[in-house]
Amino acid sequence: MKARLEAKAFAPASVGNAAVGFDVLGHSLAGPRDVATVRRIDAPEVRLAPIRGVVTDLPVDPARNTAGAALLSLRAAAKVRFGFEVALEKGIPLGSGLGGSAASAVAALVAANALLPRPLAREALYPHALAGEAVASGSAHGDNVGPQLLGGLVIAGHARLVKVPVPRRLWAAVVHPHAVLETKVARAALAAPYAIGAVVPQLERLSLVLAGCYAKDLSLIAEGLEDVLVEPRRAHLIAGFSEVKAAALKAGALGASISGAGPSVFAWCDGEAKARRVGAAMRRAFAAVPVGSDVFVSPVNGPRAELLR
C-alpha cells in the first residue's frame, strides 16, 4: 500500500474545568474548531507553514507552538525518519477559555497520526497532546485536550482519559465575550495555597456532578454544578461575570461558571431550547457591561477531533 503523504483534521473547542473539576474535567463543544493539514516531508524535523484564521500571530518555532511541540513529541515516540509540515487554520481565538491552544495540538496530532506507518490508538495520542498544551499554559493539564480527543465529557488524569456518560438532555450554552484573558494570567490568580477546608466542598460538588451524569439525574448535577474553589479567585478578571452568571441562573440554567481560564462563561441546561434561552440571557448581560459576545450552543456530549481527509 502506498504511504499516505498528507492528512487534514479538525479539533473542536472545549470547556475546561467544567466548574468543579479544575484541570481534570472538561467537555467538547460543537461549533468553533481548529483545522490542521499535515504533510510528510523528507527532512527529519517539524515545520510550521504560515498560520491562517482568527489568530495568525503565533510562534513559528515548533518547540514554542502547541501543534509543533505535539508533533515533535509524536515524531520522537514513533521513531520515524520522515518529518511533518503543519498548516494551521485557527477557528478558536486564543485567550478565550475555549481550548484554542489545545485544539491546534489535537488537530495536528490526529492528522499526523494518519501518516504514521502504524497509527496509534486515540488514547495513545494523549501524552503528545499534553506536551503541546504545556507550551501554552506552562503545565500539562488535560481538561481540554482530553475531551477534544475523545469527545463529550472526559476525566483527564495525568496518564489516562475516562469518558463520562452524560444525559442526552444535557446541553451547554457558552458565551465568549470579545475580550482576551491569557491562561498564564488566570493561573497566576490561583498561586496562593488553598486550605483543605476550602477543597472539601469542591470535592463534594464534583462527586455530585459525576454521580448525576452516571445516574442521568439532572437534579444531582444542578446541586453540584458550582465552583467554590477557583471561580472566586478569577471572577474579577472577567468584566460583568457576576451579572452574566446571575442571568444564566435566572433563565433556568442548572449551573454556570467560567469556561477554562476565561473569559468565556458556560452554563449547563436541560435541553437545547433552554440552552438557547440561557445563552441569549448571558449575551444580554454582557451587552449591558458593555461587551460584545458570541453564543455557542452544544450538547455536553460534543464532537471529538476527526480526519477531514
C-alpha atoms as a PDB file:
ATOM      1  CA  MET A   1       0.000   0.000   0.000  1.00  0.00           C
ATOM      2  CA  LYS A   2       1.308   3.446  -0.940  1.00  0.00           C
ATOM      3  CA  ALA A   3       2.183   5.603   2.067  1.00  0.00           C
ATOM      4  CA  ARG A   4      -0.178   8.453   2.802  1.00  0.00           C
ATOM      5  CA  LEU A   5       1.556  11.814   2.336  1.00  0.00           C
ATOM      6  CA  GLU A   6      -0.996  14.335   3.639  1.00  0.00           C
ATOM      7  CA  ALA A   7      -3.953  14.430   6.028  1.00  0.00           C
ATOM      8  CA  LYS A   8      -6.330  17.086   7.313  1.00  0.00           C
ATOM      9  CA  ALA A   9      -8.166  17.046  10.657  1.00  0.00           C
ATOM     10  CA  PHE A  10     -10.202  19.302  12.916  1.00  0.00           C
ATOM     11  CA  ALA A  11     -10.437  19.572  16.688  1.00  0.00           C
ATOM     12  CA  PRO A  12     -13.416  21.171  18.445  1.00  0.00           C
ATOM     13  CA  ALA A  13     -13.450  23.873  21.085  1.00  0.00           C
ATOM     14  CA  SER A  14     -13.840  22.729  24.676  1.00  0.00           C
ATOM     15  CA  VAL A  15     -14.979  23.813  28.131  1.00  0.00           C
ATOM     16  CA  GLY A  16     -12.158  23.169  30.584  1.00  0.00           C
ATOM     17  CA  ASN A  17     -12.656  22.568  34.310  1.00  0.00           C
ATOM     18  CA  ALA A  18     -16.454  22.156  33.925  1.00  0.00           C
ATOM     19  CA  ALA A  19     -16.814  24.268  37.098  1.00  0.00           C
ATOM     20  CA  VAL A  20     -15.976  21.501  39.559  1.00  0.00           C
ATOM     21  CA  GLY A  21     -13.013  19.622  38.047  1.00  0.00           C
ATOM     22  CA  PHE A  22     -10.097  22.039  37.829  1.00  0.00           C
ATOM     23  CA  ASP A  23      -7.567  20.736  35.282  1.00  0.00           C
ATOM     24  CA  VAL A  24      -9.149  17.248  35.210  1.00  0.00           C
ATOM     25  CA  LEU A  25     -12.707  17.588  33.833  1.00  0.00           C
ATOM     26  CA  GLY A  26     -13.909  19.128  30.587  1.00  0.00           C
ATOM     27  CA  HIS A  27     -16.206  18.638  27.625  1.00  0.00           C
ATOM     28  CA  SER A  28     -16.035  19.298  23.904  1.00  0.00           C
ATOM     29  CA  LEU A  29     -18.152  21.904  22.177  1.00  0.00           C
ATOM     30  CA  ALA A  30     -19.808  21.817  18.760  1.00  0.00           C
ATOM     31  CA  GLY A  31     -19.150  24.917  16.674  1.00  0.00           C
ATOM     32  CA  PRO A  32     -15.738  26.629  16.815  1.00  0.00           C
ATOM     33  CA  ARG A  33     -12.822  24.471  15.726  1.00  0.00           C
ATOM     34  CA  ASP A  34      -9.209  24.474  14.586  1.00  0.00           C
ATOM     35  CA  VAL A  35      -8.115  22.693  11.408  1.00  0.00           C
ATOM     36  CA  ALA A  36      -4.650  21.275  10.745  1.00  0.00           C
ATOM     37  CA  THR A  37      -3.254  19.984   7.461  1.00  0.00           C
ATOM     38  CA  VAL A  38      -0.136  17.872   7.973  1.00  0.00           C
ATOM     39  CA  ARG A  39       2.209  16.815   5.176  1.00  0.00           C
ATOM     40  CA  ARG A  40       5.040  14.299   5.276  1.00  0.00           C
ATOM     41  CA  ILE A  41       8.418  15.800   4.437  1.00  0.00           C
ATOM     42  CA  ASP A  42      11.771  14.133   3.839  1.00  0.00           C
ATOM     43  CA  ALA A  43      13.632  16.284   6.359  1.00  0.00           C
ATOM     44  CA  PRO A  44      13.613  14.752   9.870  1.00  0.00           C
ATOM     45  CA  GLU A  45      12.013  17.778  11.513  1.00  0.00           C
ATOM     46  CA  VAL A  46       8.744  19.591  12.202  1.00  0.00           C
ATOM     47  CA  ARG A  47       7.938  22.764  10.273  1.00  0.00           C
ATOM     48  CA  LEU A  48       5.094  25.244  10.546  1.00  0.00           C
ATOM     49  CA  ALA A  49       3.538  26.733   7.425  1.00  0.00           C
ATOM     50  CA  PRO A  50       2.028  30.258   7.607  1.00  0.00           C
ATOM     51  CA  ILE A  51      -0.903  30.276  10.046  1.00  0.00           C
ATOM     52  CA  ARG A  52      -4.341  31.417   8.870  1.00  0.00           C
ATOM     53  CA  GLY A  53      -7.650  32.164  10.555  1.00  0.00           C
ATOM     54  CA  VAL A  54      -8.802  34.234  13.523  1.00  0.00           C
ATOM     55  CA  VAL A  55      -5.309  34.148  15.072  1.00  0.00           C
ATOM     56  CA  THR A  56      -2.120  34.388  13.000  1.00  0.00           C
ATOM     57  CA  ASP A  57       0.423  35.931  15.378  1.00  0.00           C
ATOM     58  CA  LEU A  58       1.661  32.654  16.836  1.00  0.00           C
ATOM     59  CA  PRO A  59       5.179  31.247  17.324  1.00  0.00           C
ATOM     60  CA  VAL A  60       6.565  29.535  14.229  1.00  0.00           C
ATOM     61  CA  ASP A  61       9.292  27.808  16.219  1.00  0.00           C
ATOM     62  CA  PRO A  62       7.844  24.272  16.578  1.00  0.00           C
ATOM     63  CA  ALA A  63       9.106  23.936  20.152  1.00  0.00           C
ATOM     64  CA  ARG A  64       7.132  27.065  21.146  1.00  0.00           C
ATOM     65  CA  ASN A  65       3.946  26.280  19.219  1.00  0.00           C
ATOM     66  CA  THR A  66       1.385  23.856  20.678  1.00  0.00           C
ATOM     67  CA  ALA A  67       0.887  21.982  17.408  1.00  0.00           C
ATOM     68  CA  GLY A  68       4.613  21.912  16.715  1.00  0.00           C
ATOM     69  CA  ALA A  69       5.506  20.688  20.200  1.00  0.00           C
ATOM     70  CA  ALA A  70       2.873  17.950  19.993  1.00  0.00           C
ATOM     71  CA  LEU A  71       4.272  16.731  16.663  1.00  0.00           C
ATOM     72  CA  LEU A  72       7.846  16.842  17.959  1.00  0.00           C
ATOM     73  CA  SER A  73       6.730  14.582  20.804  1.00  0.00           C
ATOM     74  CA  LEU A  74       4.837  12.230  18.463  1.00  0.00           C
ATOM     75  CA  ARG A  75       7.698  12.007  15.987  1.00  0.00           C
ATOM     76  CA  ALA A  76      10.217  11.166  18.720  1.00  0.00           C
ATOM     77  CA  ALA A  77       7.974   8.441  20.142  1.00  0.00           C
ATOM     78  CA  ALA A  78       7.137   6.950  16.730  1.00  0.00           C
ATOM     79  CA  LYS A  79      10.830   6.934  15.730  1.00  0.00           C
ATOM     80  CA  VAL A  80      10.078   7.734  12.094  1.00  0.00           C
ATOM     81  CA  ARG A  81      12.708   9.014   9.685  1.00  0.00           C
ATOM     82  CA  PHE A  82      10.441  11.499   7.942  1.00  0.00           C
ATOM     83  CA  GLY A  83       9.219  14.814   9.317  1.00  0.00           C
ATOM     84  CA  PHE A  84       5.988  16.825   9.324  1.00  0.00           C
ATOM     85  CA  GLU A  85       4.928  20.185   7.977  1.00  0.00           C
ATOM     86  CA  VAL A  86       1.747  21.503   9.582  1.00  0.00           C
ATOM     87  CA  ALA A  87      -0.534  24.260   8.313  1.00  0.00           C
ATOM     88  CA  LEU A  88      -2.978  25.588  10.911  1.00  0.00           C
ATOM     89  CA  GLU A  89      -6.280  27.313  10.288  1.00  0.00           C
ATOM     90  CA  LYS A  90      -7.348  28.840  13.592  1.00  0.00           C
ATOM     91  CA  GLY A  91     -11.072  28.990  14.217  1.00  0.00           C
ATOM     92  CA  ILE A  92     -10.828  29.310  18.011  1.00  0.00           C
ATOM     93  CA  PRO A  93      -9.477  32.560  19.474  1.00  0.00           C
ATOM     94  CA  LEU A  94      -6.592  32.307  21.915  1.00  0.00           C
ATOM     95  CA  GLY A  95      -7.147  33.552  25.448  1.00  0.00           C
ATOM     96  CA  SER A  96     -10.847  32.776  25.093  1.00  0.00           C
ATOM     97  CA  GLY A  97     -11.297  29.930  27.567  1.00  0.00           C
ATOM     98  CA  LEU A  98     -12.389  27.640  24.722  1.00  0.00           C
ATOM     99  CA  GLY A  99      -9.327  25.396  24.455  1.00  0.00           C
ATOM    100  CA  GLY A 100      -7.824  27.085  21.404  1.00  0.00           C
ATOM    101  CA  SER A 101      -4.215  26.199  22.201  1.00  0.00           C
ATOM    102  CA  ALA A 102      -5.174  22.594  22.872  1.00  0.00           C
ATOM    103  CA  ALA A 103      -7.245  22.304  19.697  1.00  0.00           C
ATOM    104  CA  SER A 104      -4.284  23.195  17.494  1.00  0.00           C
ATOM    105  CA  ALA A 105      -2.235  20.428  19.101  1.00  0.00           C
ATOM    106  CA  VAL A 106      -5.004  17.840  18.872  1.00  0.00           C
ATOM    107  CA  ALA A 107      -5.925  18.609  15.256  1.00  0.00           C
ATOM    108  CA  ALA A 108      -2.267  18.351  14.239  1.00  0.00           C
ATOM    109  CA  LEU A 109      -1.835  15.059  16.104  1.00  0.00           C
ATOM    110  CA  VAL A 110      -4.912  13.427  14.578  1.00  0.00           C
ATOM    111  CA  ALA A 111      -3.756  14.420  11.093  1.00  0.00           C
ATOM    112  CA  ALA A 112      -0.127  13.374  11.641  1.00  0.00           C
ATOM    113  CA  ASN A 113      -1.173  10.090  13.221  1.00  0.00           C
ATOM    114  CA  ALA A 114      -2.839   9.126   9.937  1.00  0.00           C
ATOM    115  CA  LEU A 115       0.553   9.447   8.223  1.00  0.00           C
ATOM    116  CA  LEU A 116       2.370   7.021  10.516  1.00  0.00           C
ATOM    117  CA  PRO A 117       3.143   3.504   9.239  1.00  0.00           C
ATOM    118  CA  ARG A 118       1.257   2.207  12.294  1.00  0.00           C
ATOM    119  CA  PRO A 119      -1.211   4.840  13.534  1.00  0.00           C
ATOM    120  CA  LEU A 120      -1.664   4.983  17.298  1.00  0.00           C
ATOM    121  CA  ALA A 121      -4.895   4.411  19.189  1.00  0.00           C
ATOM    122  CA  ARG A 122      -6.686   7.653  20.019  1.00  0.00           C
ATOM    123  CA  GLU A 123      -5.842   7.465  23.734  1.00  0.00           C
ATOM    124  CA  ALA A 124      -2.150   6.981  22.893  1.00  0.00           C
ATOM    125  CA  LEU A 125      -2.072  10.500  21.441  1.00  0.00           C
ATOM    126  CA  TYR A 126      -2.828  11.938  24.878  1.00  0.00           C
ATOM    127  CA  PRO A 127       0.751  12.376  26.199  1.00  0.00           C
ATOM    128  CA  HIS A 128       1.744  14.138  22.982  1.00  0.00           C
ATOM    129  CA  ALA A 129      -1.257  16.459  23.266  1.00  0.00           C
ATOM    130  CA  LEU A 130      -0.202  17.247  26.841  1.00  0.00           C
ATOM    131  CA  ALA A 131       3.274  18.136  25.568  1.00  0.00           C
ATOM    132  CA  GLY A 132       1.665  20.664  23.258  1.00  0.00           C
ATOM    133  CA  GLU A 133      -0.677  22.086  25.908  1.00  0.00           C
ATOM    134  CA  ALA A 134       2.233  22.631  28.289  1.00  0.00           C
ATOM    135  CA  VAL A 135       3.813  25.068  25.818  1.00  0.00           C
ATOM    136  CA  ALA A 136       0.824  27.412  26.056  1.00  0.00           C
ATOM    137  CA  SER A 137      -0.131  27.235  29.711  1.00  0.00           C
ATOM    138  CA  GLY A 138       3.082  26.225  31.428  1.00  0.00           C
ATOM    139  CA  SER A 139       1.592  22.988  32.769  1.00  0.00           C
ATOM    140  CA  ALA A 140       0.454  19.699  31.239  1.00  0.00           C
ATOM    141  CA  HIS A 141      -3.243  19.627  32.112  1.00  0.00           C
ATOM    142  CA  GLY A 142      -5.642  17.548  30.036  1.00  0.00           C
ATOM    143  CA  ASP A 143      -9.097  19.027  30.630  1.00  0.00           C
ATOM    144  CA  ASN A 144      -9.121  20.487  27.096  1.00  0.00           C
ATOM    145  CA  VAL A 145      -7.101  18.011  25.028  1.00  0.00           C
ATOM    146  CA  GLY A 146      -8.880  15.047  26.656  1.00  0.00           C
ATOM    147  CA  PRO A 147     -12.404  15.930  25.520  1.00  0.00           C
ATOM    148  CA  GLN A 148     -11.089  17.103  22.171  1.00  0.00           C
ATOM    149  CA  LEU A 149      -9.508  13.686  21.607  1.00  0.00           C
ATOM    150  CA  LEU A 150     -12.444  11.569  22.833  1.00  0.00           C
ATOM    151  CA  GLY A 151     -15.458  13.884  22.564  1.00  0.00           C
ATOM    152  CA  GLY A 152     -18.041  14.565  25.249  1.00  0.00           C
ATOM    153  CA  LEU A 153     -17.318  14.901  28.968  1.00  0.00           C
ATOM    154  CA  VAL A 154     -13.934  13.484  29.952  1.00  0.00           C
ATOM    155  CA  ILE A 155     -11.940  12.960  33.137  1.00  0.00           C
ATOM    156  CA  ALA A 156      -8.328  13.712  32.214  1.00  0.00           C
ATOM    157  CA  GLY A 157      -5.799  12.181  34.584  1.00  0.00           C
ATOM    158  CA  HIS A 158      -2.045  12.542  34.369  1.00  0.00           C
ATOM    159  CA  ALA A 159      -1.803   9.432  32.183  1.00  0.00           C
ATOM    160  CA  ARG A 160      -5.348   8.261  31.429  1.00  0.00           C
ATOM    161  CA  LEU A 161      -8.598   9.525  29.924  1.00  0.00           C
ATOM    162  CA  VAL A 162     -12.051   8.363  31.053  1.00  0.00           C
ATOM    163  CA  LYS A 163     -15.154   9.334  29.098  1.00  0.00           C
ATOM    164  CA  VAL A 164     -18.122  10.108  31.355  1.00  0.00           C
ATOM    165  CA  PRO A 165     -21.632   9.237  30.117  1.00  0.00           C
ATOM    166  CA  VAL A 166     -23.961  12.228  30.219  1.00  0.00           C
ATOM    167  CA  PRO A 167     -27.750  12.523  29.952  1.00  0.00           C
ATOM    168  CA  ARG A 168     -28.892  13.185  26.394  1.00  0.00           C
ATOM    169  CA  ARG A 169     -30.857  16.198  27.642  1.00  0.00           C
ATOM    170  CA  LEU A 170     -27.724  17.907  28.986  1.00  0.00           C
ATOM    171  CA  TRP A 171     -26.784  20.876  26.795  1.00  0.00           C
ATOM    172  CA  ALA A 172     -24.344  23.739  27.197  1.00  0.00           C
ATOM    173  CA  ALA A 173     -24.598  27.416  26.382  1.00  0.00           C
ATOM    174  CA  VAL A 174     -21.202  29.094  26.098  1.00  0.00           C
ATOM    175  CA  VAL A 175     -20.785  32.837  25.690  1.00  0.00           C
ATOM    176  CA  HIS A 176     -17.451  34.217  24.521  1.00  0.00           C
ATOM    177  CA  PRO A 177     -17.037  37.925  25.271  1.00  0.00           C
ATOM    178  CA  HIS A 178     -14.908  39.904  22.849  1.00  0.00           C
ATOM    179  CA  ALA A 179     -12.002  40.078  25.274  1.00  0.00           C
ATOM    180  CA  VAL A 180      -8.764  38.183  25.870  1.00  0.00           C
ATOM    181  CA  LEU A 181      -7.644  36.612  29.133  1.00  0.00           C
ATOM    182  CA  GLU A 182      -4.284  34.869  28.926  1.00  0.00           C
ATOM    183  CA  THR A 183      -4.199  31.462  30.591  1.00  0.00           C
ATOM    184  CA  LYS A 184      -0.993  32.282  32.450  1.00  0.00           C
ATOM    185  CA  VAL A 185      -2.624  35.386  33.962  1.00  0.00           C
ATOM    186  CA  ALA A 186      -5.666  33.398  35.066  1.00  0.00           C
ATOM    187  CA  ARG A 187      -3.467  30.688  36.583  1.00  0.00           C
ATOM    188  CA  ALA A 188      -1.449  33.299  38.468  1.00  0.00           C
ATOM    189  CA  ALA A 189      -4.641  34.215  40.340  1.00  0.00           C
ATOM    190  CA  LEU A 190      -4.504  30.738  41.901  1.00  0.00           C
ATOM    191  CA  ALA A 191      -0.918  30.971  43.144  1.00  0.00           C
ATOM    192  CA  ALA A 192      -1.773  31.275  46.845  1.00  0.00           C
ATOM    193  CA  PRO A 193      -2.291  27.900  48.568  1.00  0.00           C
ATOM    194  CA  TYR A 194      -5.742  26.591  49.473  1.00  0.00           C
ATOM    195  CA  ALA A 195      -6.704  25.326  52.911  1.00  0.00           C
ATOM    196  CA  ILE A 196      -8.016  21.752  52.990  1.00  0.00           C
ATOM    197  CA  GLY A 197     -11.286  23.117  54.326  1.00  0.00           C
ATOM    198  CA  ALA A 198     -11.769  25.001  51.061  1.00  0.00           C
ATOM    199  CA  VAL A 199     -11.056  21.943  48.914  1.00  0.00           C
ATOM    200  CA  VAL A 200     -13.514  19.508  50.519  1.00  0.00           C
ATOM    201  CA  PRO A 201     -16.697  21.390  49.476  1.00  0.00           C
ATOM    202  CA  GLN A 202     -15.439  21.396  45.886  1.00  0.00           C
ATOM    203  CA  LEU A 203     -14.834  17.636  46.023  1.00  0.00           C
ATOM    204  CA  GLU A 204     -18.395  17.189  47.257  1.00  0.00           C
ATOM    205  CA  ARG A 205     -19.683  19.129  44.251  1.00  0.00           C
ATOM    206  CA  LEU A 206     -17.507  17.199  41.812  1.00  0.00           C
ATOM    207  CA  SER A 207     -18.863  13.951  43.266  1.00  0.00           C
ATOM    208  CA  LEU A 208     -22.452  15.130  42.847  1.00  0.00           C
ATOM    209  CA  VAL A 209     -21.900  16.148  39.226  1.00  0.00           C
ATOM    210  CA  LEU A 210     -20.272  12.834  38.309  1.00  0.00           C
ATOM    211  CA  ALA A 211     -22.932  10.850  40.172  1.00  0.00           C
ATOM    212  CA  GLY A 212     -25.619  12.821  38.357  1.00  0.00           C
ATOM    213  CA  CYS A 213     -24.028  12.107  34.990  1.00  0.00           C
ATOM    214  CA  TYR A 214     -23.801   8.372  35.600  1.00  0.00           C
ATOM    215  CA  ALA A 215     -27.319   8.247  37.077  1.00  0.00           C
ATOM    216  CA  LYS A 216     -28.725  10.563  34.365  1.00  0.00           C
ATOM    217  CA  ASP A 217     -30.104  12.717  37.191  1.00  0.00           C
ATOM    218  CA  LEU A 218     -30.133  16.413  36.303  1.00  0.00           C
ATOM    219  CA  SER A 219     -31.139  17.394  39.838  1.00  0.00           C
ATOM    220  CA  LEU A 220     -27.890  15.930  41.198  1.00  0.00           C
ATOM    221  CA  ILE A 221     -25.921  17.741  38.514  1.00  0.00           C
ATOM    222  CA  ALA A 222     -27.635  21.030  39.365  1.00  0.00           C
ATOM    223  CA  GLU A 223     -26.921  20.529  43.062  1.00  0.00           C
ATOM    224  CA  GLY A 224     -23.221  20.083  42.402  1.00  0.00           C
ATOM    225  CA  LEU A 225     -22.512  22.431  39.491  1.00  0.00           C
ATOM    226  CA  GLU A 226     -20.961  25.323  41.406  1.00  0.00           C
ATOM    227  CA  ASP A 227     -17.291  26.290  41.594  1.00  0.00           C
ATOM    228  CA  VAL A 228     -16.486  27.355  45.151  1.00  0.00           C
ATOM    229  CA  LEU A 229     -12.714  26.966  44.725  1.00  0.00           C
ATOM    230  CA  VAL A 230     -11.371  28.585  41.558  1.00  0.00           C
ATOM    231  CA  GLU A 231     -14.166  30.902  40.425  1.00  0.00           C
ATOM    232  CA  PRO A 232     -13.974  33.205  43.487  1.00  0.00           C
ATOM    233  CA  ARG A 233     -10.332  33.996  42.666  1.00  0.00           C
ATOM    234  CA  ARG A 234     -10.859  34.511  38.940  1.00  0.00           C
ATOM    235  CA  ALA A 235     -14.262  36.194  38.694  1.00  0.00           C
ATOM    236  CA  HIS A 236     -12.790  39.703  38.974  1.00  0.00           C
ATOM    237  CA  LEU A 237     -10.753  39.091  35.803  1.00  0.00           C
ATOM    238  CA  ILE A 238     -13.945  38.935  33.698  1.00  0.00           C
ATOM    239  CA  ALA A 239     -15.923  42.161  33.307  1.00  0.00           C
ATOM    240  CA  GLY A 240     -19.578  41.523  34.145  1.00  0.00           C
ATOM    241  CA  PHE A 241     -19.077  37.919  35.237  1.00  0.00           C
ATOM    242  CA  SER A 242     -21.362  38.080  38.285  1.00  0.00           C
ATOM    243  CA  GLU A 243     -24.176  39.614  36.241  1.00  0.00           C
ATOM    244  CA  VAL A 244     -23.735  37.095  33.424  1.00  0.00           C
ATOM    245  CA  LYS A 245     -23.819  34.151  35.828  1.00  0.00           C
ATOM    246  CA  ALA A 246     -26.893  35.553  37.575  1.00  0.00           C
ATOM    247  CA  ALA A 247     -28.620  35.983  34.210  1.00  0.00           C
ATOM    248  CA  ALA A 248     -27.910  32.349  33.323  1.00  0.00           C
ATOM    249  CA  LEU A 249     -29.350  31.055  36.585  1.00  0.00           C
ATOM    250  CA  LYS A 250     -32.399  33.319  36.334  1.00  0.00           C
ATOM    251  CA  ALA A 251     -33.033  31.993  32.804  1.00  0.00           C
ATOM    252  CA  GLY A 252     -33.104  28.440  34.161  1.00  0.00           C
ATOM    253  CA  ALA A 253     -29.560  27.088  33.862  1.00  0.00           C
ATOM    254  CA  LEU A 254     -28.618  24.118  36.045  1.00  0.00           C
ATOM    255  CA  GLY A 255     -25.406  25.953  36.880  1.00  0.00           C
ATOM    256  CA  ALA A 256     -22.908  28.359  35.337  1.00  0.00           C
ATOM    257  CA  SER A 257     -19.232  29.179  35.721  1.00  0.00           C
ATOM    258  CA  ILE A 258     -16.061  30.204  33.915  1.00  0.00           C
ATOM    259  CA  SER A 259     -15.102  28.152  30.859  1.00  0.00           C
ATOM    260  CA  GLY A 260     -11.482  27.115  31.243  1.00  0.00           C
ATOM    261  CA  ALA A 261      -9.376  30.091  32.265  1.00  0.00           C
ATOM    262  CA  GLY A 262     -11.980  32.507  30.892  1.00  0.00           C
ATOM    263  CA  PRO A 263     -13.234  34.960  29.844  1.00  0.00           C
ATOM    264  CA  SER A 264     -15.889  32.716  28.264  1.00  0.00           C
ATOM    265  CA  VAL A 265     -18.744  31.689  30.550  1.00  0.00           C
ATOM    266  CA  PHE A 266     -20.663  28.421  30.234  1.00  0.00           C
ATOM    267  CA  ALA A 267     -23.944  27.104  31.579  1.00  0.00           C
ATOM    268  CA  TRP A 268     -25.385  23.596  31.572  1.00  0.00           C
ATOM    269  CA  CYS A 269     -29.055  23.332  30.771  1.00  0.00           C
ATOM    270  CA  ASP A 270     -31.932  20.883  30.456  1.00  0.00           C
ATOM    271  CA  GLY A 271     -32.332  20.645  26.685  1.00  0.00           C
ATOM    272  CA  GLU A 272     -31.399  22.647  23.603  1.00  0.00           C
ATOM    273  CA  ALA A 273     -34.265  25.137  23.822  1.00  0.00           C
ATOM    274  CA  LYS A 274     -33.378  26.077  27.395  1.00  0.00           C
ATOM    275  CA  ALA A 275     -29.696  26.369  26.435  1.00  0.00           C
ATOM    276  CA  ARG A 276     -30.571  28.843  23.683  1.00  0.00           C
ATOM    277  CA  ARG A 277     -32.631  30.959  26.094  1.00  0.00           C
ATOM    278  CA  VAL A 278     -29.846  30.899  28.666  1.00  0.00           C
ATOM    279  CA  GLY A 279     -27.238  31.810  26.049  1.00  0.00           C
ATOM    280  CA  ALA A 280     -29.323  34.778  24.931  1.00  0.00           C
ATOM    281  CA  ALA A 281     -29.710  35.941  28.540  1.00  0.00           C
ATOM    282  CA  MET A 282     -25.957  35.758  29.128  1.00  0.00           C
ATOM    283  CA  ARG A 283     -25.281  37.671  25.932  1.00  0.00           C
ATOM    284  CA  ARG A 284     -27.650  40.447  27.023  1.00  0.00           C
ATOM    285  CA  ALA A 285     -25.878  40.628  30.375  1.00  0.00           C
ATOM    286  CA  PHE A 286     -22.500  41.041  28.676  1.00  0.00           C
ATOM    287  CA  ALA A 287     -24.003  43.709  26.392  1.00  0.00           C
ATOM    288  CA  ALA A 288     -25.001  45.705  29.469  1.00  0.00           C
ATOM    289  CA  VAL A 289     -21.331  45.904  30.576  1.00  0.00           C
ATOM    290  CA  PRO A 290     -20.991  46.796  27.618  1.00  0.00           C
ATOM    291  CA  VAL A 291     -19.078  43.933  25.981  1.00  0.00           C
ATOM    292  CA  GLY A 292     -19.941  42.225  22.708  1.00  0.00           C
ATOM    293  CA  SER A 293     -20.064  38.429  22.698  1.00  0.00           C
ATOM    294  CA  ASP A 294     -20.725  35.291  20.681  1.00  0.00           C
ATOM    295  CA  VAL A 295     -23.006  32.455  21.797  1.00  0.00           C
ATOM    296  CA  PHE A 296     -22.422  28.757  21.130  1.00  0.00           C
ATOM    297  CA  VAL A 297     -24.942  26.053  21.977  1.00  0.00           C
ATOM    298  CA  SER A 298     -23.939  22.390  22.019  1.00  0.00           C
ATOM    299  CA  PRO A 299     -24.730  19.059  23.628  1.00  0.00           C
ATOM    300  CA  VAL A 300     -22.347  18.438  26.523  1.00  0.00           C
ATOM    301  CA  ASN A 301     -21.643  15.189  24.688  1.00  0.00           C
ATOM    302  CA  GLY A 302     -19.944  17.178  21.945  1.00  0.00           C
ATOM    303  CA  PRO A 303     -17.842  16.003  18.989  1.00  0.00           C
ATOM    304  CA  ARG A 304     -14.298  14.673  19.021  1.00  0.00           C
ATOM    305  CA  ALA A 305     -11.448  15.541  16.673  1.00  0.00           C
ATOM    306  CA  GLU A 306     -11.733  13.765  13.326  1.00  0.00           C
ATOM    307  CA  LEU A 307      -9.995  13.458   9.985  1.00  0.00           C
ATOM    308  CA  LEU A 308     -11.443  15.609   7.214  1.00  0.00           C
ATOM    309  CA  ARG A 309      -9.421  13.902   4.505  1.00  0.00           C
END
